[in-house]
Amino acid sequence: SEASESIESKEARERHLYLLLMKKYGLLFTPGMSMRSERAGFFRFVFTAASEEEFDLGLVRLRKAVEEMRNR
């Protein structure tokens, strides 16, 4: 369970997801644990400086990532 998982394990899993999203899908999120989130798995992303086309592309990439991960 998550409650018994070590902080190191949570950080490793979060980092793995961070790197996968960046390298495979071209998405750059800030891992929550690096922002002092109390729980692993939360990410921060900023889209206010993106054009409408870039924002739409990011949503397409995020949808693809989620769909592929759900279908594993």
Protein backbone atom coordinates (compact mmCIF):
# COMPACT_ATOMS: atom_id res chain seq x y z
CA SER A 1 0.00 0.00 0.00
CA GLU A 2 1.01 3.61 -0.47
CA ALA A 3 1.14 4.18 3.29
CA SER A 4 3.86 1.57 3.75
CA GLU A 5 5.88 2.57 0.68
CA SER A 6 9.13 4.38 1.40
CA ILE A 7 9.68 7.99 0.40
CA GLU A 8 12.58 6.86 -1.80
CA SER A 9 10.32 4.44 -3.67
CA LYS A 10 7.65 7.11 -4.18
CA GLU A 11 10.25 9.58 -5.43
CA ALA A 12 11.68 6.97 -7.82
CA ARG A 13 8.24 6.19 -9.25
CA GLU A 14 7.43 9.88 -9.61
CA ARG A 15 10.77 10.52 -11.33
CA HIS A 16 10.19 7.58 -13.68
CA LEU A 17 6.82 9.03 -14.71
CA TYR A 18 8.34 12.51 -15.07
CA LEU A 19 11.05 11.20 -17.41
CA LEU A 20 8.60 9.08 -19.40
CA LEU A 21 6.28 12.04 -19.99
CA MET A 22 9.19 14.22 -21.03
CA LYS A 23 11.13 11.81 -23.23
CA LYS A 24 8.33 9.82 -24.86
CA TYR A 25 5.54 12.39 -25.04
CA GLY A 26 7.32 15.76 -25.03
CA LEU A 27 5.51 16.96 -21.90
CA LEU A 28 7.33 18.87 -19.19
CA PHE A 29 5.73 18.69 -15.77
CA THR A 30 7.26 19.57 -12.41
CA PRO A 31 7.13 16.61 -10.02
CA GLY A 32 5.09 17.45 -6.94
CA MET A 33 7.62 16.07 -4.48
CA SER A 34 10.17 18.59 -5.77
CA MET A 35 7.57 21.27 -4.94
CA ARG A 36 7.17 19.85 -1.39
CA SER A 37 3.89 18.08 -2.08
CA GLU A 38 3.06 15.73 0.75
CA ARG A 39 1.96 12.95 -1.62
CA ALA A 40 3.70 11.45 -4.62
CA GLY A 41 2.08 11.53 -8.03
CA PHE A 42 1.06 15.16 -8.19
CA PHE A 43 2.60 17.27 -10.94
CA ARG A 44 2.60 20.98 -11.72
CA PHE A 45 2.37 22.36 -15.21
CA VAL A 46 2.15 25.92 -16.48
CA PHE A 47 0.36 26.72 -19.68
CA THR A 48 -0.28 30.46 -19.48
CA ALA A 49 2.62 31.30 -21.80
CA ALA A 50 1.58 28.72 -24.43
CA SER A 51 -0.16 29.70 -27.62
CA GLU A 52 -3.54 28.14 -28.31
CA GLU A 53 -1.91 25.73 -30.77
CA GLU A 54 0.74 24.70 -28.24
CA PHE A 55 -1.90 24.20 -25.58
CA ASP A 56 -3.96 22.01 -27.93
CA LEU A 57 -0.86 19.99 -28.83
CA GLY A 58 -0.10 19.48 -25.14
CA LEU A 59 -3.61 18.16 -24.57
CA VAL A 60 -3.27 15.76 -27.50
CA ARG A 61 0.04 14.49 -26.11
CA LEU A 62 -1.36 14.14 -22.59
CA ARG A 63 -4.41 12.24 -23.87
CA LYS A 64 -2.12 9.89 -25.82
CA ALA A 65 0.06 9.28 -22.75
CA VAL A 66 -2.92 8.54 -20.51
CA GLU A 67 -4.54 6.23 -23.07
CA GLU A 68 -1.31 4.29 -23.62
CA MET A 69 -0.66 3.92 -19.89
CA ARG A 70 -4.23 2.75 -19.23
CA ASN A 71 -3.94 0.13 -21.97
CA ARG A 72 -0.77 -1.49 -20.59
